Amino acid sequence: MSAVAAVADVIARLRREVSDLHAELPRNGLVVWTAGNISARVPGHELLVIKPSGVSYDDLTPERMVVTDFEGRLVDGEGSPSSDTAAHAYVYAHLPEVQGQVHTHSTYATAWAARGEAIPCVLTMMGDEFGGEIPIGPFALIGDDSIGRGIVETLSGHRSKAVLMRNHGVFTIGASAKAAVKAAVLCEEVARTVHIARQLGEPIPIPAADIDSLYDRYQNAYGQK
């Protein structure tokens, strides 16, 4: 029995989840045309579910989601996987806690990436979600695992769930694909707000101890348990 057949029900669920979550990217103004992608790890297997390359968001369905291994090779589905599959696969292979990933070229966050500048932690929302600044990762070309390597190097030991890859765009990680989508939405929101704040003057940094307090409360006490 193939690995895909052994976890067919799980993969079917993830295909639906990843397909449905892609609607959040245009809904929140994070993508244009066919750019951007979401993936989910298949738990317990070196497999991931990801958007196919170059397919319109209006045409995405669960059946069109593709499954690849951690070498980026197609193992189930029709059509070519996203051009960012190698990056997603590298992250899953090296950060076992990551269960979902998102990539966008959202306008404000990508503008920071074009400048090669981290977004400073000057908003309580940033302390809550990212635990500090949103860091800059290195420039890397698409086509192999170079982007994935840059993501892992930048986020290893960092509380941020988002990284701005220089001259490219945003990559976010999460304990689920939905959590990674949330991080992508909030990354763009804080990128926009901090940009506007800088037009008015120099934003006031939040002290490190207060960032720690914000992060601990939001991650461990906020919301319904």
N, C-alpha and C. Protein backbone atom coordinates (compact mmCIF):
# COMPACT_ATOMS: atom_id res chain seq x y z
N MET A 1 0.85 -1.20 0.00
CA MET A 1 0.00 0.00 0.00
C MET A 1 0.88 1.25 0.00
N SER A 2 0.58 2.23 -0.86
CA SER A 2 1.37 3.45 -0.93
C SER A 2 1.12 4.31 0.30
N ALA A 3 2.06 5.25 0.52
CA ALA A 3 1.90 6.17 1.65
C ALA A 3 0.63 6.99 1.51
N VAL A 4 0.28 7.38 0.27
CA VAL A 4 -0.93 8.17 0.05
C VAL A 4 -2.17 7.36 0.38
N ALA A 5 -2.22 6.09 -0.06
CA ALA A 5 -3.38 5.24 0.21
C ALA A 5 -3.54 5.00 1.71
N ALA A 6 -2.43 4.89 2.43
CA ALA A 6 -2.47 4.60 3.87
C ALA A 6 -3.09 5.74 4.66
N VAL A 7 -3.00 6.94 4.16
CA VAL A 7 -3.52 8.11 4.88
C VAL A 7 -4.52 8.86 4.00
N ALA A 8 -5.27 8.14 3.20
CA ALA A 8 -6.17 8.76 2.23
C ALA A 8 -7.18 9.69 2.88
N ASP A 9 -7.75 9.29 4.02
CA ASP A 9 -8.75 10.13 4.68
C ASP A 9 -8.13 11.43 5.19
N VAL A 10 -6.92 11.33 5.74
CA VAL A 10 -6.23 12.53 6.25
C VAL A 10 -5.92 13.47 5.10
N ILE A 11 -5.42 12.92 4.01
CA ILE A 11 -5.08 13.75 2.85
C ILE A 11 -6.33 14.40 2.26
N ALA A 12 -7.44 13.67 2.21
CA ALA A 12 -8.69 14.25 1.71
C ALA A 12 -9.12 15.42 2.58
N ARG A 13 -8.99 15.29 3.89
CA ARG A 13 -9.35 16.38 4.80
C ARG A 13 -8.45 17.58 4.59
N LEU A 14 -7.14 17.32 4.46
CA LEU A 14 -6.19 18.41 4.27
C LEU A 14 -6.39 19.10 2.92
N ARG A 15 -6.75 18.33 1.91
CA ARG A 15 -7.04 18.94 0.60
C ARG A 15 -8.20 19.93 0.72
N ARG A 16 -9.24 19.54 1.44
CA ARG A 16 -10.38 20.45 1.63
C ARG A 16 -9.95 21.68 2.43
N GLU A 17 -9.22 21.44 3.50
CA GLU A 17 -8.80 22.55 4.36
C GLU A 17 -7.91 23.53 3.61
N VAL A 18 -6.91 23.02 2.91
CA VAL A 18 -5.99 23.90 2.19
C VAL A 18 -6.71 24.63 1.06
N SER A 19 -7.59 23.95 0.35
CA SER A 19 -8.36 24.60 -0.71
C SER A 19 -9.22 25.72 -0.14
N ASP A 20 -9.93 25.45 0.94
CA ASP A 20 -10.81 26.47 1.54
C ASP A 20 -10.01 27.66 2.05
N LEU A 21 -8.85 27.40 2.65
CA LEU A 21 -8.06 28.49 3.21
C LEU A 21 -7.51 29.41 2.13
N HIS A 22 -7.30 28.91 0.93
CA HIS A 22 -6.79 29.78 -0.12
C HIS A 22 -7.73 30.95 -0.39
N ALA A 23 -9.02 30.79 -0.11
CA ALA A 23 -9.96 31.89 -0.32
C ALA A 23 -9.66 33.07 0.60
N GLU A 24 -9.00 32.80 1.74
CA GLU A 24 -8.67 33.88 2.67
C GLU A 24 -7.60 34.82 2.12
N LEU A 25 -6.78 34.35 1.20
CA LEU A 25 -5.69 35.20 0.71
C LEU A 25 -6.21 36.35 -0.15
N PRO A 26 -7.00 36.11 -1.20
CA PRO A 26 -7.58 37.27 -1.92
C PRO A 26 -8.59 38.04 -1.08
N ARG A 27 -9.31 37.34 -0.19
CA ARG A 27 -10.30 38.03 0.65
C ARG A 27 -9.64 39.07 1.53
N ASN A 28 -8.42 38.80 1.95
CA ASN A 28 -7.69 39.74 2.81
C ASN A 28 -6.68 40.59 2.04
N GLY A 29 -6.77 40.56 0.72
CA GLY A 29 -5.91 41.42 -0.10
C GLY A 29 -4.45 41.06 -0.05
N LEU A 30 -4.13 39.78 0.13
CA LEU A 30 -2.73 39.36 0.28
C LEU A 30 -2.09 38.88 -1.01
N VAL A 31 -2.89 38.65 -2.05
CA VAL A 31 -2.36 38.10 -3.30
C VAL A 31 -3.01 38.77 -4.50
N VAL A 32 -2.34 38.66 -5.64
CA VAL A 32 -2.92 39.05 -6.93
C VAL A 32 -2.70 37.91 -7.92
N TRP A 33 -3.61 37.83 -8.89
CA TRP A 33 -3.55 36.84 -9.96
C TRP A 33 -3.42 35.44 -9.37
N THR A 34 -2.34 34.69 -9.71
CA THR A 34 -2.19 33.34 -9.16
C THR A 34 -1.07 33.25 -8.13
N ALA A 35 -0.50 34.39 -7.74
CA ALA A 35 0.62 34.38 -6.80
C ALA A 35 0.17 33.90 -5.42
N GLY A 36 1.12 33.35 -4.67
CA GLY A 36 0.86 32.93 -3.30
C GLY A 36 0.45 31.48 -3.21
N ASN A 37 0.60 30.92 -2.02
CA ASN A 37 0.26 29.52 -1.82
C ASN A 37 0.17 29.18 -0.34
N ILE A 38 -0.55 28.10 -0.07
CA ILE A 38 -0.70 27.56 1.28
C ILE A 38 -0.39 26.07 1.21
N SER A 39 0.25 25.56 2.26
CA SER A 39 0.49 24.12 2.33
C SER A 39 0.20 23.61 3.73
N ALA A 40 0.04 22.30 3.84
CA ALA A 40 -0.15 21.64 5.13
C ALA A 40 0.67 20.36 5.15
N ARG A 41 1.29 20.08 6.27
CA ARG A 41 2.01 18.83 6.46
C ARG A 41 1.01 17.69 6.64
N VAL A 42 1.32 16.52 6.09
CA VAL A 42 0.55 15.32 6.37
C VAL A 42 1.18 14.69 7.61
N PRO A 43 0.49 14.72 8.76
CA PRO A 43 1.11 14.27 10.02
C PRO A 43 1.60 12.83 9.94
N GLY A 44 2.82 12.62 10.45
CA GLY A 44 3.38 11.29 10.51
C GLY A 44 3.96 10.77 9.22
N HIS A 45 3.96 11.59 8.17
CA HIS A 45 4.49 11.17 6.88
C HIS A 45 5.29 12.32 6.27
N GLU A 46 6.27 12.00 5.48
CA GLU A 46 7.05 13.03 4.80
C GLU A 46 6.35 13.45 3.52
N LEU A 47 5.15 14.00 3.73
CA LEU A 47 4.29 14.44 2.64
C LEU A 47 3.68 15.79 2.99
N LEU A 48 3.32 16.54 1.96
CA LEU A 48 2.63 17.81 2.17
C LEU A 48 1.58 18.00 1.08
N VAL A 49 0.54 18.78 1.42
CA VAL A 49 -0.51 19.16 0.48
C VAL A 49 -0.32 20.62 0.14
N ILE A 50 -0.34 20.96 -1.15
CA ILE A 50 -0.05 22.34 -1.55
C ILE A 50 -0.82 22.70 -2.81
N LYS A 51 -0.96 23.98 -3.06
CA LYS A 51 -1.62 24.51 -4.25
C LYS A 51 -0.83 24.15 -5.50
N PRO A 52 -1.52 23.84 -6.60
CA PRO A 52 -0.83 23.63 -7.88
C PRO A 52 -0.34 24.96 -8.44
N SER A 53 0.65 24.89 -9.30
CA SER A 53 1.27 26.09 -9.85
C SER A 53 0.39 26.77 -10.88
N GLY A 54 0.28 28.12 -10.75
CA GLY A 54 -0.33 28.93 -11.78
C GLY A 54 -1.81 28.74 -12.00
N VAL A 55 -2.53 28.25 -11.00
CA VAL A 55 -3.97 28.04 -11.11
C VAL A 55 -4.70 29.20 -10.44
N SER A 56 -5.71 29.74 -11.11
CA SER A 56 -6.49 30.85 -10.56
C SER A 56 -7.15 30.45 -9.25
N TYR A 57 -7.25 31.41 -8.34
CA TYR A 57 -7.90 31.15 -7.06
C TYR A 57 -9.37 30.75 -7.26
N ASP A 58 -10.01 31.28 -8.29
CA ASP A 58 -11.40 30.93 -8.56
C ASP A 58 -11.55 29.48 -9.01
N ASP A 59 -10.47 28.89 -9.48
CA ASP A 59 -10.52 27.53 -10.00
C ASP A 59 -10.00 26.48 -9.03
N LEU A 60 -9.63 26.90 -7.84
CA LEU A 60 -9.09 25.94 -6.87
C LEU A 60 -10.21 25.12 -6.23
N THR A 61 -9.99 23.82 -6.16
CA THR A 61 -10.90 22.89 -5.50
C THR A 61 -10.06 21.90 -4.70
N PRO A 62 -10.66 21.19 -3.76
CA PRO A 62 -9.89 20.17 -3.03
C PRO A 62 -9.20 19.18 -3.96
N GLU A 63 -9.87 18.80 -5.02
CA GLU A 63 -9.31 17.80 -5.94
C GLU A 63 -8.08 18.33 -6.68
N ARG A 64 -7.98 19.64 -6.82
CA ARG A 64 -6.84 20.21 -7.54
C ARG A 64 -5.60 20.37 -6.67
N MET A 65 -5.76 20.28 -5.35
CA MET A 65 -4.59 20.33 -4.49
C MET A 65 -3.70 19.11 -4.76
N VAL A 66 -2.41 19.30 -4.70
CA VAL A 66 -1.48 18.21 -5.01
C VAL A 66 -0.72 17.80 -3.76
N VAL A 67 -0.23 16.57 -3.79
CA VAL A 67 0.55 16.01 -2.69
C VAL A 67 1.96 15.76 -3.19
N THR A 68 2.96 16.21 -2.41
CA THR A 68 4.35 15.94 -2.77
C THR A 68 5.07 15.35 -1.57
N ASP A 69 6.26 14.80 -1.84
CA ASP A 69 7.11 14.36 -0.74
C ASP A 69 8.02 15.52 -0.33
N PHE A 70 8.91 15.26 0.62
CA PHE A 70 9.78 16.33 1.12
C PHE A 70 10.94 16.63 0.18
N GLU A 71 11.00 15.94 -0.94
CA GLU A 71 11.94 16.31 -2.00
C GLU A 71 11.25 17.15 -3.06
N GLY A 72 9.95 17.47 -2.82
CA GLY A 72 9.20 18.27 -3.77
C GLY A 72 8.66 17.49 -4.95
N ARG A 73 8.74 16.16 -4.90
CA ARG A 73 8.26 15.33 -6.01
C ARG A 73 6.77 15.06 -5.87
N LEU A 74 6.04 15.19 -6.98
CA LEU A 74 4.61 14.92 -6.99
C LEU A 74 4.35 13.44 -6.71
N VAL A 75 3.49 13.18 -5.73
CA VAL A 75 3.13 11.79 -5.44
C VAL A 75 1.63 11.53 -5.61
N ASP A 76 0.83 12.58 -5.67
CA ASP A 76 -0.59 12.40 -5.92
C ASP A 76 -1.18 13.70 -6.42
N GLY A 77 -2.06 13.61 -7.42
CA GLY A 77 -2.69 14.78 -7.99
C GLY A 77 -2.24 15.00 -9.42
N GLU A 78 -2.86 15.96 -10.06
CA GLU A 78 -2.55 16.26 -11.45
C GLU A 78 -2.00 17.67 -11.57
N GLY A 79 -1.05 17.85 -12.45
CA GLY A 79 -0.46 19.17 -12.65
C GLY A 79 0.78 19.37 -11.80
N SER A 80 1.48 20.46 -12.07
CA SER A 80 2.72 20.77 -11.37
C SER A 80 2.45 21.40 -10.01
N PRO A 81 3.19 21.00 -8.98
CA PRO A 81 3.05 21.67 -7.67
C PRO A 81 3.51 23.12 -7.75
N SER A 82 3.13 23.90 -6.77
CA SER A 82 3.59 25.28 -6.65
C SER A 82 5.10 25.38 -6.83
N SER A 83 5.54 26.48 -7.43
CA SER A 83 6.97 26.71 -7.61
C SER A 83 7.69 26.88 -6.29
N ASP A 84 6.95 27.10 -5.21
CA ASP A 84 7.55 27.25 -3.88
C ASP A 84 7.56 25.94 -3.09
N THR A 85 7.22 24.83 -3.73
CA THR A 85 7.12 23.56 -3.01
C THR A 85 8.42 23.17 -2.35
N ALA A 86 9.55 23.37 -3.02
CA ALA A 86 10.84 22.99 -2.44
C ALA A 86 11.11 23.75 -1.14
N ALA A 87 10.69 25.02 -1.10
CA ALA A 87 10.87 25.81 0.13
C ALA A 87 10.00 25.27 1.25
N HIS A 88 8.73 25.00 0.96
CA HIS A 88 7.83 24.45 1.97
C HIS A 88 8.36 23.11 2.48
N ALA A 89 8.79 22.26 1.55
CA ALA A 89 9.27 20.93 1.93
C ALA A 89 10.49 21.01 2.84
N TYR A 90 11.40 21.92 2.53
CA TYR A 90 12.60 22.07 3.37
C TYR A 90 12.22 22.50 4.78
N VAL A 91 11.28 23.42 4.88
CA VAL A 91 10.85 23.88 6.21
C VAL A 91 10.23 22.73 7.00
N TYR A 92 9.34 21.96 6.38
CA TYR A 92 8.74 20.83 7.09
C TYR A 92 9.79 19.82 7.52
N ALA A 93 10.78 19.60 6.69
CA ALA A 93 11.82 18.61 7.01
C ALA A 93 12.70 19.05 8.17
N HIS A 94 12.83 20.36 8.36
CA HIS A 94 13.77 20.86 9.37
C HIS A 94 13.12 21.53 10.57
N LEU A 95 11.83 21.82 10.50
CA LEU A 95 11.11 22.39 11.64
C LEU A 95 9.90 21.51 11.92
N PRO A 96 10.08 20.44 12.68
CA PRO A 96 9.01 19.45 12.86
C PRO A 96 7.75 19.99 13.52
N GLU A 97 7.86 21.12 14.23
CA GLU A 97 6.69 21.69 14.89
C GLU A 97 5.77 22.40 13.90
N VAL A 98 6.26 22.72 12.71
CA VAL A 98 5.46 23.45 11.72
C VAL A 98 4.52 22.48 11.02
N GLN A 99 3.23 22.84 11.02
CA GLN A 99 2.20 22.02 10.38
C GLN A 99 1.57 22.69 9.17
N GLY A 100 1.79 24.01 9.02
CA GLY A 100 1.23 24.73 7.89
C GLY A 100 2.09 25.91 7.52
N GLN A 101 2.05 26.28 6.24
CA GLN A 101 2.84 27.41 5.75
C GLN A 101 2.03 28.22 4.73
N VAL A 102 2.38 29.50 4.64
CA VAL A 102 1.76 30.40 3.67
C VAL A 102 2.85 31.27 3.05
N HIS A 103 2.70 31.54 1.76
CA HIS A 103 3.57 32.50 1.08
C HIS A 103 2.71 33.52 0.35
N THR A 104 3.00 34.80 0.55
CA THR A 104 2.31 35.86 -0.18
C THR A 104 3.32 36.93 -0.59
N HIS A 105 2.85 37.81 -1.48
CA HIS A 105 3.58 39.02 -1.82
C HIS A 105 2.75 40.23 -1.39
N SER A 106 2.14 40.14 -0.22
CA SER A 106 1.25 41.21 0.23
C SER A 106 1.99 42.55 0.23
N THR A 107 1.29 43.60 -0.15
CA THR A 107 1.91 44.86 -0.55
C THR A 107 2.82 45.48 0.51
N TYR A 108 2.29 45.73 1.68
CA TYR A 108 3.09 46.47 2.67
C TYR A 108 4.23 45.62 3.23
N ALA A 109 3.95 44.37 3.56
CA ALA A 109 5.01 43.51 4.08
C ALA A 109 6.11 43.31 3.05
N THR A 110 5.72 43.16 1.79
CA THR A 110 6.71 42.97 0.74
C THR A 110 7.51 44.24 0.49
N ALA A 111 6.90 45.39 0.74
CA ALA A 111 7.64 46.66 0.64
C ALA A 111 8.77 46.69 1.67
N TRP A 112 8.49 46.20 2.88
CA TRP A 112 9.56 46.09 3.88
C TRP A 112 10.63 45.12 3.40
N ALA A 113 10.21 44.00 2.80
CA ALA A 113 11.17 43.03 2.29
C ALA A 113 12.04 43.64 1.19
N ALA A 114 11.44 44.49 0.36
CA ALA A 114 12.21 45.14 -0.71
C ALA A 114 13.28 46.06 -0.14
N ARG A 115 13.00 46.63 1.02
CA ARG A 115 13.99 47.49 1.69
C ARG A 115 15.01 46.68 2.48
N GLY A 116 14.76 45.39 2.67
CA GLY A 116 15.66 44.58 3.49
C GLY A 116 15.61 45.00 4.94
N GLU A 117 14.41 45.37 5.42
CA GLU A 117 14.29 45.91 6.77
C GLU A 117 13.27 45.12 7.58
N ALA A 118 13.65 44.70 8.78
CA ALA A 118 12.72 44.04 9.69
C ALA A 118 11.66 45.03 10.15
N ILE A 119 10.48 44.52 10.45
CA ILE A 119 9.42 45.37 10.99
C ILE A 119 9.60 45.42 12.51
N PRO A 120 9.87 46.59 13.08
CA PRO A 120 10.14 46.67 14.52
C PRO A 120 8.88 46.44 15.34
N CYS A 121 9.05 45.93 16.54
CA CYS A 121 7.91 45.63 17.40
C CYS A 121 7.48 46.90 18.13
N VAL A 122 6.53 47.59 17.52
CA VAL A 122 6.04 48.84 18.09
C VAL A 122 4.53 48.80 18.32
N LEU A 123 3.92 47.62 18.16
CA LEU A 123 2.49 47.44 18.33
C LEU A 123 2.23 46.25 19.24
N THR A 124 1.22 46.36 20.10
CA THR A 124 0.91 45.22 20.97
C THR A 124 0.52 43.99 20.16
N MET A 125 -0.12 44.19 18.99
CA MET A 125 -0.47 43.06 18.14
C MET A 125 0.77 42.27 17.72
N MET A 126 1.87 42.98 17.51
CA MET A 126 3.11 42.30 17.14
C MET A 126 3.66 41.50 18.31
N GLY A 127 3.60 42.09 19.49
CA GLY A 127 4.03 41.34 20.68
C GLY A 127 3.19 40.10 20.88
N ASP A 128 1.88 40.25 20.70
CA ASP A 128 0.96 39.12 20.87
C ASP A 128 1.27 37.98 19.92
N GLU A 129 1.29 38.27 18.62
CA GLU A 129 1.35 37.23 17.59
C GLU A 129 2.77 36.80 17.25
N PHE A 130 3.70 37.76 17.22
CA PHE A 130 5.04 37.47 16.71
C PHE A 130 6.12 37.47 17.78
N GLY A 131 5.80 37.96 18.97
CA GLY A 131 6.77 37.92 20.06
C GLY A 131 7.98 38.80 19.84
N GLY A 132 7.85 39.84 19.01
CA GLY A 132 8.96 40.73 18.72
C GLY A 132 8.89 41.21 17.29
N GLU A 133 10.02 41.61 16.74
CA GLU A 133 10.06 42.08 15.36
C GLU A 133 9.75 40.96 14.38
N ILE A 134 9.38 41.34 13.17
CA ILE A 134 9.27 40.38 12.07
C ILE A 134 10.56 40.48 11.29
N PRO A 135 11.38 39.42 11.30
CA PRO A 135 12.74 39.52 10.78
C PRO A 135 12.83 39.44 9.27
N ILE A 136 14.00 39.85 8.78
CA ILE A 136 14.34 39.74 7.36
C ILE A 136 15.17 38.49 7.13
N GLY A 137 14.79 37.74 6.10
CA GLY A 137 15.58 36.60 5.67
C GLY A 137 16.41 36.97 4.45
N PRO A 138 17.33 36.13 4.04
CA PRO A 138 18.23 36.45 2.93
C PRO A 138 17.54 36.39 1.58
N PHE A 139 18.16 37.00 0.60
CA PHE A 139 17.70 36.87 -0.78
C PHE A 139 18.01 35.47 -1.28
N ALA A 140 17.06 34.87 -1.99
CA ALA A 140 17.26 33.54 -2.55
C ALA A 140 16.39 33.39 -3.79
N LEU A 141 16.91 32.70 -4.78
CA LEU A 141 16.16 32.47 -6.01
C LEU A 141 15.21 31.29 -5.87
N ILE A 142 14.09 31.35 -6.59
CA ILE A 142 13.13 30.26 -6.62
C ILE A 142 13.68 29.13 -7.50
N GLY A 143 13.36 27.90 -7.13
CA GLY A 143 13.73 26.78 -7.98
C GLY A 143 14.33 25.61 -7.24
N ASP A 144 14.92 25.88 -6.06
CA ASP A 144 15.44 24.79 -5.24
C ASP A 144 15.07 25.10 -3.79
N ASP A 145 15.82 24.51 -2.85
CA ASP A 145 15.46 24.71 -1.44
C ASP A 145 16.14 25.92 -0.80
N SER A 146 16.72 26.81 -1.62
CA SER A 146 17.44 27.97 -1.06
C SER A 146 16.53 28.85 -0.22
N ILE A 147 15.31 29.07 -0.67
CA ILE A 147 14.38 29.89 0.11
C ILE A 147 14.06 29.19 1.43
N GLY A 148 13.80 27.89 1.37
CA GLY A 148 13.53 27.14 2.60
C GLY A 148 14.67 27.23 3.58
N ARG A 149 15.90 27.14 3.08
CA ARG A 149 17.06 27.25 3.96
C ARG A 149 17.09 28.61 4.65
N GLY A 150 16.79 29.65 3.87
CA GLY A 150 16.78 30.99 4.46
C GLY A 150 15.69 31.16 5.51
N ILE A 151 14.53 30.57 5.27
CA ILE A 151 13.44 30.63 6.24
C ILE A 151 13.85 29.94 7.53
N VAL A 152 14.38 28.75 7.41
CA VAL A 152 14.77 27.97 8.61
C VAL A 152 15.88 28.68 9.37
N GLU A 153 16.88 29.18 8.67
CA GLU A 153 17.98 29.87 9.33
C GLU A 153 17.49 31.11 10.08
N THR A 154 16.54 31.81 9.49
CA THR A 154 16.06 33.06 10.10
C THR A 154 15.13 32.80 11.27
N LEU A 155 14.24 31.82 11.15
CA LEU A 155 13.22 31.61 12.18
C LEU A 155 13.63 30.64 13.28
N SER A 156 14.69 29.87 13.08
CA SER A 156 15.13 28.95 14.13
C SER A 156 15.53 29.75 15.37
N GLY A 157 14.91 29.43 16.50
CA GLY A 157 15.18 30.15 17.74
C GLY A 157 14.51 31.50 17.82
N HIS A 158 13.64 31.81 16.87
CA HIS A 158 12.94 33.10 16.83
C HIS A 158 11.46 32.86 17.11
N ARG A 159 10.81 33.76 17.84
CA ARG A 159 9.39 33.56 18.13
C ARG A 159 8.48 33.96 16.98
N SER A 160 8.99 34.74 16.04
CA SER A 160 8.15 35.20 14.94
C SER A 160 7.65 34.02 14.11
N LYS A 161 6.39 34.11 13.70
CA LYS A 161 5.80 33.13 12.79
C LYS A 161 5.88 33.62 11.34
N ALA A 162 6.54 34.75 11.13
CA ALA A 162 6.65 35.32 9.79
C ALA A 162 8.08 35.75 9.53
N VAL A 163 8.48 35.64 8.27
CA VAL A 163 9.78 36.13 7.85
C VAL A 163 9.59 36.86 6.53
N LEU A 164 10.28 37.97 6.38
CA LEU A 164 10.26 38.74 5.14
C LEU A 164 11.51 38.37 4.35
N MET A 165 11.31 37.59 3.29
CA MET A 165 12.46 37.20 2.48
C MET A 165 12.82 38.36 1.55
N ARG A 166 14.07 38.80 1.66
CA ARG A 166 14.51 40.04 1.01
C ARG A 166 14.22 40.02 -0.49
N ASN A 167 13.65 41.13 -0.96
CA ASN A 167 13.31 41.32 -2.38
C ASN A 167 12.29 40.31 -2.91
N HIS A 168 11.57 39.63 -2.01
CA HIS A 168 10.66 38.59 -2.46
C HIS A 168 9.28 38.74 -1.86
N GLY A 169 9.12 38.40 -0.59
CA GLY A 169 7.80 38.46 0.01
C GLY A 169 7.77 37.80 1.37
N VAL A 170 6.57 37.40 1.77
CA VAL A 170 6.31 36.93 3.13
C VAL A 170 6.15 35.41 3.14
N PHE A 171 6.76 34.77 4.11
CA PHE A 171 6.51 33.36 4.40
C PHE A 171 6.11 33.27 5.86
N THR A 172 5.02 32.55 6.15
CA THR A 172 4.59 32.37 7.53
C THR A 172 4.45 30.89 7.84
N ILE A 173 4.61 30.56 9.12
CA ILE A 173 4.50 29.19 9.58
C ILE A 173 3.48 29.13 10.70
N GLY A 174 3.00 27.92 11.00
CA GLY A 174 2.04 27.80 12.08
C GLY A 174 1.86 26.37 12.53
N ALA A 175 1.17 26.21 13.66
CA ALA A 175 0.84 24.88 14.19
C ALA A 175 -0.26 24.23 13.37
N SER A 176 -0.81 24.96 12.41
CA SER A 176 -1.78 24.45 11.44
C SER A 176 -1.73 25.37 10.24
N ALA A 177 -2.32 24.94 9.14
CA ALA A 177 -2.38 25.81 7.97
C ALA A 177 -3.18 27.07 8.29
N LYS A 178 -4.25 26.92 9.06
CA LYS A 178 -5.07 28.08 9.43
C LYS A 178 -4.27 29.07 10.26
N ALA A 179 -3.45 28.58 11.19
CA ALA A 179 -2.62 29.45 12.01
C ALA A 179 -1.62 30.21 11.15
N ALA A 180 -1.08 29.56 10.12
CA ALA A 180 -0.14 30.23 9.23
C ALA A 180 -0.85 31.31 8.41
N VAL A 181 -2.10 31.06 8.02
CA VAL A 181 -2.88 32.08 7.32
C VAL A 181 -3.12 33.28 8.23
N LYS A 182 -3.49 33.01 9.47
CA LYS A 182 -3.68 34.11 10.43
C LYS A 182 -2.41 34.95 10.54
N ALA A 183 -1.26 34.30 10.64
CA ALA A 183 0.00 35.04 10.75
C ALA A 183 0.24 35.89 9.51
N ALA A 184 -0.11 35.38 8.33
CA ALA A 184 0.07 36.15 7.09
C ALA A 184 -0.83 37.38 7.07
N VAL A 185 -2.08 37.22 7.54
CA VAL A 185 -3.01 38.34 7.58
C VAL A 185 -2.51 39.41 8.56
N LEU A 186 -2.08 38.97 9.74
CA LEU A 186 -1.62 39.93 10.75
C LEU A 186 -0.29 40.56 10.36
N CYS A 187 0.56 39.81 9.66
CA CYS A 187 1.83 40.38 9.19
C CYS A 187 1.57 41.57 8.27
N GLU A 188 0.64 41.41 7.34
CA GLU A 188 0.33 42.52 6.43
C GLU A 188 -0.29 43.69 7.20
N GLU A 189 -1.13 43.39 8.16
CA GLU A 189 -1.78 44.46 8.93
C GLU A 189 -0.75 45.30 9.70
N VAL A 190 0.19 44.64 10.38
CA VAL A 190 1.17 45.41 11.15
C VAL A 190 2.17 46.09 10.23
N ALA A 191 2.49 45.47 9.08
CA ALA A 191 3.39 46.12 8.12
C ALA A 191 2.79 47.44 7.64
N ARG A 192 1.50 47.43 7.37
CA ARG A 192 0.81 48.63 6.91
C ARG A 192 0.76 49.69 8.00
N THR A 193 0.40 49.26 9.21
CA THR A 193 0.25 50.22 10.31
C THR A 193 1.58 50.85 10.68
N VAL A 194 2.63 50.05 10.75
CA VAL A 194 3.95 50.61 11.11
C VAL A 194 4.46 51.53 10.01
N HIS A 195 4.19 51.17 8.76
CA HIS A 195 4.57 52.06 7.66
C HIS A 195 3.88 53.42 7.81
N ILE A 196 2.58 53.41 8.09
CA ILE A 196 1.85 54.67 8.25
C ILE A 196 2.38 55.45 9.45
N ALA A 197 2.66 54.73 10.53
CA ALA A 197 3.20 55.41 11.73
C ALA A 197 4.51 56.12 11.40
N ARG A 198 5.33 55.52 10.56
CA ARG A 198 6.62 56.13 10.23
C ARG A 198 6.45 57.39 9.37
N GLN A 199 5.32 57.52 8.71
CA GLN A 199 5.09 58.75 7.96
C GLN A 199 4.81 59.92 8.90
N LEU A 200 4.37 59.60 10.11
CA LEU A 200 4.03 60.63 11.09
C LEU A 200 5.19 60.95 12.03
N GLY A 201 6.15 60.05 12.13
CA GLY A 201 7.27 60.22 13.03
C GLY A 201 7.90 58.88 13.34
N GLU A 202 8.74 58.86 14.33
CA GLU A 202 9.43 57.61 14.68
C GLU A 202 8.57 56.82 15.67
N PRO A 203 8.15 55.59 15.31
CA PRO A 203 7.36 54.78 16.25
C PRO A 203 8.12 54.48 17.53
N ILE A 204 7.38 54.32 18.61
CA ILE A 204 7.98 54.07 19.93
C ILE A 204 8.11 52.57 20.15
N PRO A 205 9.33 52.05 20.34
CA PRO A 205 9.50 50.61 20.57
C PRO A 205 8.85 50.17 21.88
N ILE A 206 8.40 48.94 21.93
CA ILE A 206 7.87 48.35 23.16
C ILE A 206 9.03 47.68 23.90
N PRO A 207 9.21 47.94 25.18
CA PRO A 207 10.31 47.31 25.93
C PRO A 207 10.23 45.78 25.87
N ALA A 208 11.38 45.14 25.89
CA ALA A 208 11.45 43.68 25.72
C ALA A 208 10.64 42.94 26.77
N ALA A 209 10.67 43.41 28.02
CA ALA A 209 9.92 42.73 29.08
C ALA A 209 8.42 42.79 28.82
N ASP A 210 7.96 43.91 28.29
CA ASP A 210 6.53 44.04 27.97
C ASP A 210 6.16 43.17 26.77
N ILE A 211 7.06 43.05 25.81
CA ILE A 211 6.82 42.14 24.69
C ILE A 211 6.67 40.71 25.20
N ASP A 212 7.54 40.32 26.12
CA ASP A 212 7.46 38.97 26.70
C ASP A 212 6.11 38.76 27.37
N SER A 213 5.65 39.76 28.11
CA SER A 213 4.38 39.66 28.82
C SER A 213 3.21 39.56 27.84
N LEU A 214 3.25 40.39 26.80
CA LEU A 214 2.19 40.36 25.78
C LEU A 214 2.13 38.99 25.12
N TYR A 215 3.28 38.47 24.75
CA TYR A 215 3.35 37.20 24.03
C TYR A 215 2.85 36.05 24.90
N ASP A 216 3.27 36.05 26.16
CA ASP A 216 2.86 34.98 27.07
C ASP A 216 1.35 34.99 27.28
N ARG A 217 0.78 36.17 27.49
CA ARG A 217 -0.67 36.27 27.72
C ARG A 217 -1.44 35.81 26.49
N TYR A 218 -1.04 36.30 25.33
CA TYR A 218 -1.79 36.00 24.11
C TYR A 218 -1.68 34.52 23.73
N GLN A 219 -0.50 33.96 23.89
CA GLN A 219 -0.29 32.57 23.49
C GLN A 219 -0.88 31.57 24.49
N ASN A 220 -0.98 31.97 25.76
CA ASN A 220 -1.35 31.00 26.79
C ASN A 220 -2.65 31.28 27.52
N ALA A 221 -3.16 32.53 27.43
CA ALA A 221 -4.37 32.85 28.21
C ALA A 221 -5.50 33.43 27.38
N TYR A 222 -5.19 34.00 26.22
CA TYR A 222 -6.19 34.69 25.40
C TYR A 222 -7.16 33.70 24.77
N GLY A 223 -8.43 34.11 24.66
CA GLY A 223 -9.41 33.31 23.93
C GLY A 223 -10.04 32.22 24.76
N GLN A 224 -10.80 31.37 24.07
CA GLN A 224 -11.51 30.27 24.73
C GLN A 224 -10.63 29.03 24.75
N LYS A 225 -10.59 28.36 25.86
CA LYS A 225 -9.79 27.14 26.01
C LYS A 225 -10.69 25.92 26.06
